[in-house]
C-alpha atoms as a PDB file:
ATOM      1  CA  MET A   1       4.472  -8.302 -41.790  1.00  0.00           C
ATOM      2  CA  SER A   2       6.666  -8.007 -38.718  1.00  0.00           C
ATOM      3  CA  LEU A   3       7.874 -11.016 -36.783  1.00  0.00           C
ATOM      4  CA  VAL A   4       5.960  -9.984 -33.664  1.00  0.00           C
ATOM      5  CA  LYS A   5       2.705  -9.533 -35.574  1.00  0.00           C
ATOM      6  CA  SER A   6       3.183 -12.904 -37.290  1.00  0.00           C
ATOM      7  CA  LEU A   7       3.886 -14.531 -33.932  1.00  0.00           C
ATOM      8  CA  ARG A   8       0.790 -12.997 -32.358  1.00  0.00           C
ATOM      9  CA  ILE A   9      -1.531 -13.975 -35.214  1.00  0.00           C
ATOM     10  CA  THR A  10      -0.120 -17.495 -35.387  1.00  0.00           C
ATOM     11  CA  GLY A  11      -0.354 -17.894 -31.602  1.00  0.00           C
ATOM     12  CA  ILE A  12      -3.996 -16.880 -31.578  1.00  0.00           C
ATOM     13  CA  ALA A  13      -4.789 -19.142 -34.541  1.00  0.00           C
ATOM     14  CA  GLU A  14      -2.930 -22.038 -32.899  1.00  0.00           C
ATOM     15  CA  GLY A  15      -4.824 -21.485 -29.651  1.00  0.00           C
ATOM     16  CA  ILE A  16      -8.177 -21.403 -31.428  1.00  0.00           C
ATOM     17  CA  SER A  17      -7.347 -24.544 -33.409  1.00  0.00           C
ATOM     18  CA  PHE A  18      -6.388 -26.335 -30.180  1.00  0.00           C
ATOM     19  CA  LEU A  19      -9.683 -25.376 -28.547  1.00  0.00           C
ATOM     20  CA  VAL A  20     -11.629 -26.481 -31.640  1.00  0.00           C
ATOM     21  CA  LEU A  21      -9.737 -29.775 -31.622  1.00  0.00           C
ATOM     22  CA  LEU A  22     -10.453 -30.406 -27.934  1.00  0.00           C
ATOM     23  CA  GLY A  23     -13.946 -28.933 -27.731  1.00  0.00           C
ATOM     24  CA  ILE A  24     -15.513 -29.800 -31.072  1.00  0.00           C
ATOM     25  CA  ALA A  25     -13.511 -32.333 -33.086  1.00  0.00           C
ATOM     26  CA  MET A  26     -12.792 -34.777 -30.254  1.00  0.00           C
ATOM     27  CA  PRO A  27     -16.431 -34.929 -29.097  1.00  0.00           C
ATOM     28  CA  LEU A  28     -17.514 -35.410 -32.719  1.00  0.00           C
ATOM     29  CA  LYS A  29     -15.095 -38.306 -33.010  1.00  0.00           C
ATOM     30  CA  TYR A  30     -16.168 -40.091 -29.862  1.00  0.00           C
ATOM     31  CA  PHE A  31     -19.838 -39.180 -29.513  1.00  0.00           C
ATOM     32  CA  ALA A  32     -20.954 -38.798 -33.147  1.00  0.00           C
ATOM     33  CA  ASP A  33     -18.602 -41.329 -34.750  1.00  0.00           C
ATOM     34  CA  LEU A  34     -17.026 -38.715 -37.026  1.00  0.00           C
ATOM     35  CA  PRO A  35     -13.279 -39.402 -36.846  1.00  0.00           C
ATOM     36  CA  LEU A  36     -12.540 -37.206 -39.857  1.00  0.00           C
ATOM     37  CA  ALA A  37     -13.188 -34.139 -37.708  1.00  0.00           C
ATOM     38  CA  VAL A  38     -10.075 -34.933 -35.696  1.00  0.00           C
ATOM     39  CA  THR A  39      -8.149 -35.782 -38.854  1.00  0.00           C
ATOM     40  CA  TYR A  40      -8.750 -32.431 -40.527  1.00  0.00           C
ATOM     41  CA  VAL A  41      -8.697 -30.181 -37.476  1.00  0.00           C
ATOM     42  CA  GLY A  42      -5.689 -32.084 -36.143  1.00  0.00           C
ATOM     43  CA  TRP A  43      -3.798 -31.531 -39.369  1.00  0.00           C
ATOM     44  CA  VAL A  44      -4.496 -27.784 -39.303  1.00  0.00           C
ATOM     45  CA  HIS A  45      -3.599 -27.589 -35.624  1.00  0.00           C
ATOM     46  CA  GLY A  46      -0.365 -29.506 -36.204  1.00  0.00           C
ATOM     47  CA  ALA A  47       0.683 -27.175 -39.008  1.00  0.00           C
ATOM     48  CA  LEU A  48      -0.080 -24.116 -36.871  1.00  0.00           C
ATOM     49  CA  PHE A  49       1.800 -25.649 -33.939  1.00  0.00           C
ATOM     50  CA  ILE A  50       4.919 -26.168 -36.054  1.00  0.00           C
ATOM     51  CA  LEU A  51       4.678 -22.644 -37.482  1.00  0.00           C
ATOM     52  CA  PHE A  52       4.179 -21.196 -34.000  1.00  0.00           C
ATOM     53  CA  ALA A  53       7.156 -23.108 -32.584  1.00  0.00           C
ATOM     54  CA  GLY A  54       9.337 -21.895 -35.444  1.00  0.00           C
ATOM     55  CA  LEU A  55       8.263 -18.294 -34.941  1.00  0.00           C
ATOM     56  CA  VAL A  56       8.915 -18.518 -31.194  1.00  0.00           C
ATOM     57  CA  TRP A  57      12.389 -19.878 -31.932  1.00  0.00           C
ATOM     58  CA  ARG A  58      13.022 -17.082 -34.462  1.00  0.00           C
ATOM     59  CA  ALA A  59      11.765 -14.397 -32.066  1.00  0.00           C
ATOM     60  CA  MET A  60      14.032 -15.768 -29.333  1.00  0.00           C
ATOM     61  CA  ASP A  61      16.979 -15.341 -31.685  1.00  0.00           C
ATOM     62  CA  VAL A  62      16.025 -11.921 -33.079  1.00  0.00           C
ATOM     63  CA  TYR A  63      15.065 -10.363 -29.729  1.00  0.00           C
ATOM     64  CA  ASN A  64      17.882 -12.001 -27.706  1.00  0.00           C
ATOM     65  CA  LYS A  65      15.571 -13.901 -25.384  1.00  0.00           C
ATOM     66  CA  GLY A  66      16.737 -16.911 -23.420  1.00  0.00           C
ATOM     67  CA  PHE A  67      15.727 -20.537 -23.499  1.00  0.00           C
ATOM     68  CA  LEU A  68      13.401 -19.932 -20.557  1.00  0.00           C
ATOM     69  CA  TRP A  69      11.413 -17.557 -22.761  1.00  0.00           C
ATOM     70  CA  LEU A  70      11.404 -20.161 -25.524  1.00  0.00           C
ATOM     71  CA  GLY A  71      10.237 -22.811 -23.058  1.00  0.00           C
ATOM     72  CA  GLY A  72       7.426 -20.545 -21.902  1.00  0.00           C
ATOM     73  CA  GLY A  73       6.181 -20.128 -25.453  1.00  0.00           C
ATOM     74  CA  LEU A  74       6.365 -23.824 -26.207  1.00  0.00           C
ATOM     75  CA  LEU A  75       4.683 -24.727 -22.911  1.00  0.00           C
ATOM     76  CA  ALA A  76       1.922 -22.235 -23.681  1.00  0.00           C
ATOM     77  CA  SER A  77       1.237 -24.026 -26.955  1.00  0.00           C
ATOM     78  CA  LEU A  78       0.603 -27.274 -25.072  1.00  0.00           C
ATOM     79  CA  LEU A  79      -1.980 -25.852 -22.660  1.00  0.00           C
ATOM     80  CA  PRO A  80      -5.560 -24.873 -23.505  1.00  0.00           C
ATOM     81  CA  PHE A  81      -5.750 -21.044 -23.547  1.00  0.00           C
ATOM     82  CA  GLY A  82      -1.959 -20.979 -23.077  1.00  0.00           C
ATOM     83  CA  THR A  83      -1.152 -19.020 -26.216  1.00  0.00           C
ATOM     84  CA  PHE A  84      -3.713 -16.383 -25.263  1.00  0.00           C
ATOM     85  CA  VAL A  85      -2.034 -15.898 -21.887  1.00  0.00           C
ATOM     86  CA  TRP A  86       1.459 -15.976 -23.421  1.00  0.00           C
ATOM     87  CA  ASP A  87       0.417 -13.284 -25.904  1.00  0.00           C
ATOM     88  CA  ARG A  88       1.178 -10.770 -23.142  1.00  0.00           C
ATOM     89  CA  GLU A  89       4.853 -11.747 -23.382  1.00  0.00           C
ATOM     90  CA  VAL A  90       4.776 -11.196 -27.117  1.00  0.00           C
ATOM     91  CA  LYS A  91       3.136  -7.784 -26.680  1.00  0.00           C
ATOM     92  CA  LYS A  92       6.127  -6.772 -24.539  1.00  0.00           C
ATOM     93  CA  LEU A  93       8.311  -7.236 -27.615  1.00  0.00           C
ATOM     94  CA  MET A  94       6.275  -4.578 -29.369  1.00  0.00           C
ATOM     95  CA  ALA A  95       6.757  -2.109 -26.529  1.00  0.00           C
ATOM     96  CA  HIS A  96      10.409  -2.917 -25.755  1.00  0.00           C
ATOM     97  CA  PRO A  97      11.902  -4.807 -28.700  1.00  0.00           C
ATOM     98  CA  ASN A  98      15.456  -4.848 -27.295  1.00  0.00           C
ATOM     99  CA  SER A  99      14.705  -5.935 -23.742  1.00  0.00           C
END
């Protein structure tokens, strides 16, 4: 699988896991007294976050992007829906891999 495809899939999975953590697991913890929801979803989200950050770093290196590009990817991973918006930047790598 190509780096760009891996980055896109991981970004979407990371974004979904973040939304599940915020929208489902956190309310279950605080309103239904089910703290394990946050434990399990948080663990999955954390693993996806680390994988996503590593892939962004690798893509920055492979595609000669700057630290501003890296910062944009990492910032996107901290904002709800951010990785879905940032996916447009990743799609540009598919169209113009050397730009």
